[in-house]
C-alpha atoms as a PDB file:
ATOM      1  CA  MET A   1       0.023   0.023  -0.005  1.00  0.00           C
ATOM      2  CA  SER A   2       2.846   2.356   0.840  1.00  0.00           C
ATOM      3  CA  GLY A   3       4.327   1.861  -2.593  1.00  0.00           C
ATOM      4  CA  SER A   4       1.021   2.549  -4.263  1.00  0.00           C
ATOM      5  CA  GLY A   5       0.574   5.633  -2.145  1.00  0.00           C
ATOM      6  CA  GLU A   6       4.077   6.926  -3.036  1.00  0.00           C
ATOM      7  CA  HIS A   7       3.276   6.367  -6.729  1.00  0.00           C
ATOM      8  CA  MET A   8       0.014   8.297  -6.426  1.00  0.00           C
ATOM      9  CA  GLY A   9       1.878  11.114  -4.612  1.00  0.00           C
ATOM     10  CA  LYS A  10       4.367  11.411  -7.425  1.00  0.00           C
ATOM     11  CA  LYS A  11       1.635  11.346  -9.993  1.00  0.00           C
ATOM     12  CA  ASN A  12      -0.283  14.097  -8.208  1.00  0.00           C
ATOM     13  CA  SER A  13       2.851  16.100  -7.787  1.00  0.00           C
ATOM     14  CA  THR A  14       3.582  15.810 -11.518  1.00  0.00           C
ATOM     15  CA  GLU A  15       0.034  16.740 -12.530  1.00  0.00           C
ATOM     16  CA  ASN A  16       0.135  19.726 -10.151  1.00  0.00           C
ATOM     17  CA  ALA A  17       3.443  20.894 -11.635  1.00  0.00           C
ATOM     18  CA  ILE A  18       2.067  20.639 -15.156  1.00  0.00           C
ATOM     19  CA  ARG A  19      -0.981  22.663 -14.107  1.00  0.00           C
ATOM     20  CA  ILE A  20       1.237  25.365 -12.672  1.00  0.00           C
ATOM     21  CA  ILE A  21       3.248  25.553 -15.926  1.00  0.00           C
ATOM     22  CA  ARG A  22       0.129  25.627 -18.096  1.00  0.00           C
ATOM     23  CA  ALA A  23      -1.295  28.432 -16.060  1.00  0.00           C
ATOM     24  CA  ARG A  24       1.796  30.491 -16.929  1.00  0.00           C
ATOM     25  CA  GLY A  25       1.368  29.950 -20.694  1.00  0.00           C
ATOM     26  CA  GLY A  26       3.361  26.704 -20.861  1.00  0.00           C
ATOM     27  CA  ARG A  27       6.619  28.430 -19.831  1.00  0.00           C
ATOM     28  CA  LEU A  28       8.183  28.782 -16.415  1.00  0.00           C
ATOM     29  CA  ARG A  29      11.320  30.395 -14.944  1.00  0.00           C
ATOM     30  CA  MET A  30      13.164  28.542 -12.265  1.00  0.00           C
ATOM     31  CA  ALA A  31      12.443  31.300  -9.751  1.00  0.00           C
ATOM     32  CA  GLU A  32       8.679  31.130 -10.565  1.00  0.00           C
ATOM     33  CA  ALA A  33       8.724  27.341 -10.089  1.00  0.00           C
ATOM     34  CA  LEU A  34      10.368  27.648  -6.675  1.00  0.00           C
ATOM     35  CA  SER A  35       8.005  30.366  -5.488  1.00  0.00           C
ATOM     36  CA  ALA A  36       5.047  28.210  -6.655  1.00  0.00           C
ATOM     37  CA  GLY A  37       6.230  25.365  -4.330  1.00  0.00           C
ATOM     38  CA  MET A  38       8.011  23.280  -6.895  1.00  0.00           C
ATOM     39  CA  ASN A  39      11.655  22.192  -6.213  1.00  0.00           C
ATOM     40  CA  ARG A  40      14.602  21.768  -8.508  1.00  0.00           C
ATOM     41  CA  TYR A  41      14.336  17.993  -8.278  1.00  0.00           C
ATOM     42  CA  MET A  42      10.771  18.063  -9.691  1.00  0.00           C
ATOM     43  CA  LEU A  43      11.823  20.417 -12.529  1.00  0.00           C
ATOM     44  CA  TYR A  44      14.753  18.261 -13.506  1.00  0.00           C
ATOM     45  CA  SER A  45      12.647  15.164 -13.239  1.00  0.00           C
ATOM     46  CA  LEU A  46      10.080  16.634 -15.575  1.00  0.00           C
ATOM     47  CA  ARG A  47      12.884  17.512 -17.978  1.00  0.00           C
ATOM     48  CA  ASP A  48      14.458  14.076 -17.827  1.00  0.00           C
ATOM     49  CA  ARG A  49      11.053  12.458 -18.495  1.00  0.00           C
ATOM     50  CA  GLY A  50      10.547  14.677 -21.588  1.00  0.00           C
ATOM     51  CA  ILE A  51       7.565  16.519 -20.118  1.00  0.00           C
ATOM     52  CA  ILE A  52       9.315  19.908 -20.222  1.00  0.00           C
ATOM     53  CA  GLU A  53      12.282  21.158 -22.213  1.00  0.00           C
ATOM     54  CA  PRO A  54      14.773  23.922 -21.541  1.00  0.00           C
ATOM     55  CA  VAL A  55      14.339  27.109 -23.610  1.00  0.00           C
ATOM     56  CA  SER A  56      17.226  29.029 -22.129  1.00  0.00           C
ATOM     57  CA  ARG A  57      19.159  28.951 -18.870  1.00  0.00           C
ATOM     58  CA  GLY A  58      16.650  28.746 -16.072  1.00  0.00           C
ATOM     59  CA  ILE A  59      13.593  28.771 -18.391  1.00  0.00           C
ATOM     60  CA  PHE A  60      11.524  25.689 -19.297  1.00  0.00           C
ATOM     61  CA  ARG A  61       8.501  25.097 -21.507  1.00  0.00           C
ATOM     62  CA  LEU A  62       6.083  22.132 -21.892  1.00  0.00           C
ATOM     63  CA  ALA A  63       7.299  19.781 -24.593  1.00  0.00           C
ATOM     64  CA  GLU A  64       3.702  19.363 -25.744  1.00  0.00           C
ATOM     65  CA  LEU A  65       3.631  22.877 -27.096  1.00  0.00           C
ATOM     66  CA  PRO A  66       4.134  23.467 -30.850  1.00  0.00           C
ATOM     67  CA  PRO A  67       7.713  24.152 -31.922  1.00  0.00           C
ATOM     68  CA  ILE A  68       8.785  27.744 -31.368  1.00  0.00           C
ATOM     69  CA  SER A  69       8.624  29.615 -34.674  1.00  0.00           C
ATOM     70  CA  ASN A  70      11.057  32.346 -33.679  1.00  0.00           C
ATOM     71  CA  PRO A  71      12.980  30.963 -30.705  1.00  0.00           C
ATOM     72  CA  ASP A  72      15.604  33.709 -30.535  1.00  0.00           C
ATOM     73  CA  LEU A  73      13.065  36.528 -30.129  1.00  0.00           C
ATOM     74  CA  VAL A  74      11.084  34.489 -27.627  1.00  0.00           C
ATOM     75  CA  VAL A  75      14.109  33.732 -25.508  1.00  0.00           C
ATOM     76  CA  VAL A  76      15.175  37.401 -25.428  1.00  0.00           C
ATOM     77  CA  ALA A  77      11.656  38.479 -24.547  1.00  0.00           C
ATOM     78  CA  LEU A  78      11.638  35.962 -21.676  1.00  0.00           C
ATOM     79  CA  ARG A  79      15.052  36.969 -20.324  1.00  0.00           C
ATOM     80  CA  ALA A  80      14.790  40.714 -21.020  1.00  0.00           C
ATOM     81  CA  PRO A  81      11.059  41.627 -21.035  1.00  0.00           C
ATOM     82  CA  ARG A  82      11.707  45.355 -20.890  1.00  0.00           C
ATOM     83  CA  SER A  83      13.943  45.334 -23.993  1.00  0.00           C
ATOM     84  CA  VAL A  84      12.658  46.142 -27.468  1.00  0.00           C
ATOM     85  CA  ILE A  85      13.618  44.306 -30.696  1.00  0.00           C
ATOM     86  CA  CYS A  86      15.226  46.932 -32.914  1.00  0.00           C
ATOM     87  CA  LEU A  87      17.193  47.717 -36.068  1.00  0.00           C
ATOM     88  CA  ILE A  88      18.078  44.632 -38.227  1.00  0.00           C
ATOM     89  CA  SER A  89      16.136  42.216 -36.014  1.00  0.00           C
ATOM     90  CA  ALA A  90      13.042  44.394 -36.262  1.00  0.00           C
ATOM     91  CA  LEU A  91      13.559  44.815 -40.028  1.00  0.00           C
ATOM     92  CA  SER A  92      13.717  41.037 -40.374  1.00  0.00           C
ATOM     93  CA  PHE A  93      10.532  40.599 -38.360  1.00  0.00           C
ATOM     94  CA  HIS A  94       8.743  43.214 -40.531  1.00  0.00           C
ATOM     95  CA  GLU A  95      10.170  41.642 -43.721  1.00  0.00           C
ATOM     96  CA  MET A  96      12.032  44.828 -44.644  1.00  0.00           C
ATOM     97  CA  THR A  97      15.495  43.409 -45.178  1.00  0.00           C
ATOM     98  CA  THR A  98      17.345  40.608 -46.990  1.00  0.00           C
ATOM     99  CA  GLN A  99      19.878  40.582 -44.184  1.00  0.00           C
ATOM    100  CA  ILE A 100      19.986  37.481 -41.993  1.00  0.00           C
ATOM    101  CA  PRO A 101      20.413  38.605 -38.334  1.00  0.00           C
ATOM    102  CA  HIS A 102      23.280  36.800 -36.666  1.00  0.00           C
ATOM    103  CA  GLN A 103      22.418  38.292 -33.291  1.00  0.00           C
ATOM    104  CA  VAL A 104      19.297  39.800 -31.751  1.00  0.00           C
ATOM    105  CA  MET A 105      19.477  43.516 -31.690  1.00  0.00           C
ATOM    106  CA  ILE A 106      17.685  44.989 -28.722  1.00  0.00           C
ATOM    107  CA  ALA A 107      17.075  48.542 -27.461  1.00  0.00           C
ATOM    108  CA  LEU A 108      17.558  49.411 -23.820  1.00  0.00           C
ATOM    109  CA  GLU A 109      17.061  52.779 -22.167  1.00  0.00           C
ATOM    110  CA  LYS A 110      20.262  54.544 -21.247  1.00  0.00           C
ATOM    111  CA  GLY A 111      21.371  53.439 -17.798  1.00  0.00           C
ATOM    112  CA  ALA A 112      19.477  50.133 -17.804  1.00  0.00           C
ATOM    113  CA  MET A 113      21.346  46.997 -16.915  1.00  0.00           C
ATOM    114  CA  THR A 114      22.473  44.840 -19.763  1.00  0.00           C
ATOM    115  CA  PRO A 115      20.750  41.453 -19.492  1.00  0.00           C
ATOM    116  CA  ARG A 116      22.865  38.346 -19.067  1.00  0.00           C
ATOM    117  CA  ILE A 117      21.889  36.106 -21.982  1.00  0.00           C
ATOM    118  CA  ASN A 118      24.227  33.285 -22.993  1.00  0.00           C
ATOM    119  CA  TYR A 119      22.235  32.423 -26.108  1.00  0.00           C
ATOM    120  CA  PRO A 120      21.163  33.781 -28.535  1.00  0.00           C
ATOM    121  CA  PRO A 121      23.890  36.367 -28.929  1.00  0.00           C
ATOM    122  CA  ILE A 122      22.529  39.937 -28.479  1.00  0.00           C
ATOM    123  CA  SER A 123      23.635  43.411 -29.570  1.00  0.00           C
ATOM    124  CA  VAL A 124      22.492  46.234 -27.319  1.00  0.00           C
ATOM    125  CA  CYS A 125      21.639  49.747 -28.512  1.00  0.00           C
ATOM    126  CA  ARG A 126      21.119  52.483 -25.967  1.00  0.00           C
ATOM    127  CA  PHE A 127      18.199  54.955 -26.423  1.00  0.00           C
ATOM    128  CA  THR A 128      17.074  58.060 -24.562  1.00  0.00           C
ATOM    129  CA  LYS A 129      13.796  57.547 -22.693  1.00  0.00           C
ATOM    130  CA  LYS A 130      11.771  59.412 -25.307  1.00  0.00           C
ATOM    131  CA  ALA A 131      13.242  57.406 -28.206  1.00  0.00           C
ATOM    132  CA  PHE A 132      13.111  54.156 -26.246  1.00  0.00           C
ATOM    133  CA  ASP A 133       9.369  54.487 -25.412  1.00  0.00           C
ATOM    134  CA  ALA A 134       8.333  55.608 -28.926  1.00  0.00           C
ATOM    135  CA  GLY A 135       6.864  53.233 -31.493  1.00  0.00           C
ATOM    136  CA  VAL A 136       6.777  50.072 -29.397  1.00  0.00           C
ATOM    137  CA  GLU A 137       4.438  47.366 -30.688  1.00  0.00           C
ATOM    138  CA  VAL A 138       3.659  44.129 -28.781  1.00  0.00           C
ATOM    139  CA  HIS A 139       3.461  41.080 -31.025  1.00  0.00           C
ATOM    140  CA  THR A 140       2.438  37.642 -29.780  1.00  0.00           C
ATOM    141  CA  ILE A 141       4.946  35.018 -30.868  1.00  0.00           C
ATOM    142  CA  ASP A 142       4.181  31.495 -29.646  1.00  0.00           C
ATOM    143  CA  ASN A 143       1.851  32.907 -26.978  1.00  0.00           C
ATOM    144  CA  MET A 144       4.685  35.115 -25.727  1.00  0.00           C
ATOM    145  CA  PRO A 145       4.378  38.976 -25.870  1.00  0.00           C
ATOM    146  CA  VAL A 146       7.453  40.355 -27.670  1.00  0.00           C
ATOM    147  CA  ARG A 147       8.152  44.095 -27.811  1.00  0.00           C
ATOM    148  CA  ILE A 148       9.236  45.194 -31.304  1.00  0.00           C
ATOM    149  CA  TYR A 149       9.520  48.651 -32.771  1.00  0.00           C
ATOM    150  CA  SER A 150       7.005  49.515 -35.542  1.00  0.00           C
ATOM    151  CA  PRO A 151       8.272  49.662 -39.172  1.00  0.00           C
ATOM    152  CA  GLU A 152       8.222  53.430 -39.100  1.00  0.00           C
ATOM    153  CA  LYS A 153      10.138  53.765 -35.843  1.00  0.00           C
ATOM    154  CA  THR A 154      12.565  51.131 -37.050  1.00  0.00           C
ATOM    155  CA  LEU A 155      13.353  53.147 -40.175  1.00  0.00           C
ATOM    156  CA  ALA A 156      14.045  56.242 -38.105  1.00  0.00           C
ATOM    157  CA  ASP A 157      16.318  54.151 -35.906  1.00  0.00           C
ATOM    158  CA  CYS A 158      18.157  52.821 -38.915  1.00  0.00           C
ATOM    159  CA  PHE A 159      18.988  56.375 -39.990  1.00  0.00           C
ATOM    160  CA  LYS A 160      20.070  57.133 -36.419  1.00  0.00           C
ATOM    161  CA  PHE A 161      22.352  54.112 -36.332  1.00  0.00           C
ATOM    162  CA  ARG A 162      23.295  54.143 -40.027  1.00  0.00           C
ATOM    163  CA  ASN A 163      27.013  54.074 -39.285  1.00  0.00           C
ATOM    164  CA  ARG A 164      26.458  50.936 -37.223  1.00  0.00           C
ATOM    165  CA  ILE A 165      24.280  48.944 -39.578  1.00  0.00           C
ATOM    166  CA  GLY A 166      25.297  50.474 -42.905  1.00  0.00           C
ATOM    167  CA  MET A 167      23.551  52.962 -45.132  1.00  0.00           C
ATOM    168  CA  ASP A 168      22.988  50.249 -47.760  1.00  0.00           C
ATOM    169  CA  VAL A 169      20.910  48.269 -45.263  1.00  0.00           C
ATOM    170  CA  THR A 170      19.001  51.433 -44.312  1.00  0.00           C
ATOM    171  CA  MET A 171      18.207  52.321 -47.928  1.00  0.00           C
ATOM    172  CA  GLU A 172      17.165  48.786 -48.738  1.00  0.00           C
ATOM    173  CA  ALA A 173      14.749  48.853 -45.779  1.00  0.00           C
ATOM    174  CA  LEU A 174      13.279  52.162 -46.910  1.00  0.00           C
ATOM    175  CA  LYS A 175      12.696  50.864 -50.479  1.00  0.00           C
ATOM    176  CA  MET A 176      11.173  47.621 -49.223  1.00  0.00           C
ATOM    177  CA  TYR A 177       8.947  49.591 -46.867  1.00  0.00           C
ATOM    178  CA  ARG A 178       7.869  51.830 -49.742  1.00  0.00           C
ATOM    179  CA  SER A 179       6.918  48.836 -51.908  1.00  0.00           C
ATOM    180  CA  ARG A 180       5.188  46.679 -49.281  1.00  0.00           C
ATOM    181  CA  LYS A 181       3.703  48.956 -46.615  1.00  0.00           C
ATOM    182  CA  PRO A 182       1.380  51.926 -46.629  1.00  0.00           C
ATOM    183  CA  PHE A 183       3.835  54.830 -47.012  1.00  0.00           C
ATOM    184  CA  LYS A 184       3.179  56.803 -43.778  1.00  0.00           C
ATOM    185  CA  VAL A 185       5.266  59.912 -44.347  1.00  0.00           C
ATOM    186  CA  ASP A 186       3.896  61.772 -41.343  1.00  0.00           C
ATOM    187  CA  GLU A 187       4.654  58.825 -39.030  1.00  0.00           C
ATOM    188  CA  LEU A 188       8.144  58.484 -40.493  1.00  0.00           C
ATOM    189  CA  LEU A 189       8.896  62.182 -39.946  1.00  0.00           C
ATOM    190  CA  ARG A 190       7.438  62.101 -36.398  1.00  0.00           C
ATOM    191  CA  TYR A 191       9.860  59.348 -35.431  1.00  0.00           C
ATOM    192  CA  ALA A 192      12.656  61.048 -37.321  1.00  0.00           C
ATOM    193  CA  ARG A 193      12.125  64.097 -35.106  1.00  0.00           C
ATOM    194  CA  ILE A 194      12.097  61.971 -31.949  1.00  0.00           C
ATOM    195  CA  CYS A 195      15.359  60.346 -33.066  1.00  0.00           C
ATOM    196  CA  ARG A 196      16.762  63.674 -34.201  1.00  0.00           C
ATOM    197  CA  VAL A 197      17.439  62.590 -37.791  1.00  0.00           C
ATOM    198  CA  GLU A 198      14.743  64.575 -39.672  1.00  0.00           C
ATOM    199  CA  LYS A 199      17.228  66.699 -41.599  1.00  0.00           C
ATOM    200  CA  ILE A 200      19.076  63.513 -42.703  1.00  0.00           C
ATOM    201  CA  MET A 201      15.996  61.449 -43.403  1.00  0.00           C
ATOM    202  CA  ARG A 202      13.718  63.927 -45.130  1.00  0.00           C
ATOM    203  CA  PRO A 203      15.616  64.165 -48.448  1.00  0.00           C
ATOM    204  CA  TYR A 204      15.567  60.391 -48.852  1.00  0.00           C
ATOM    205  CA  LEU A 205      11.831  60.344 -48.148  1.00  0.00           C
ATOM    206  CA  GLU A 206      11.143  63.104 -50.687  1.00  0.00           C
ATOM    207  CA  SER A 207      13.190  61.306 -53.309  1.00  0.00           C
ATOM    208  CA  ILE A 208      10.992  58.165 -53.263  1.00  0.00           C
ATOM    209  CA  VAL A 209       7.535  59.743 -52.706  1.00  0.00           C
END
């Protein structure tokens, strides 16, 4: 009887752990698990039995979930929820570049701590508060909210950081935006003023209108 009771206890503990993870969208940080009453042994047991899988250091997800479509952005959003996907990574998300991002480019407000992320590799860009807060969109990727700058804000950022990413990348993005998106000149100029690149950006906008 004691063996049967022990088996039932483990089964109930497993089911309870799965319920806790599902209640958090199928993903769980180690710290959240511990505060919810789960211990490290339970987490590692679930991992070893294939019930959960590691997403990043200290973050797990239910293995029953569909494959992550954009794992790099999801991992960064989990580990640095206040950051915003920017520049080439944002261009790639909005399909405004032929560049293949080799690192996730994120924006942080000046003075904010740089997140410790082992993988994927990240590149941090520092923004003033006004520029950091402007143009943020929240997109749901694999049930995870990911903060990404809008196409218009991203273009203004590209002109701002043109020496970092290359003017050829910036011009390609502008042309792809012109051909694929509604051409929102007023929005582009508004973000250009926020990023203090209106004088630089305006002639390029006027040349393709």
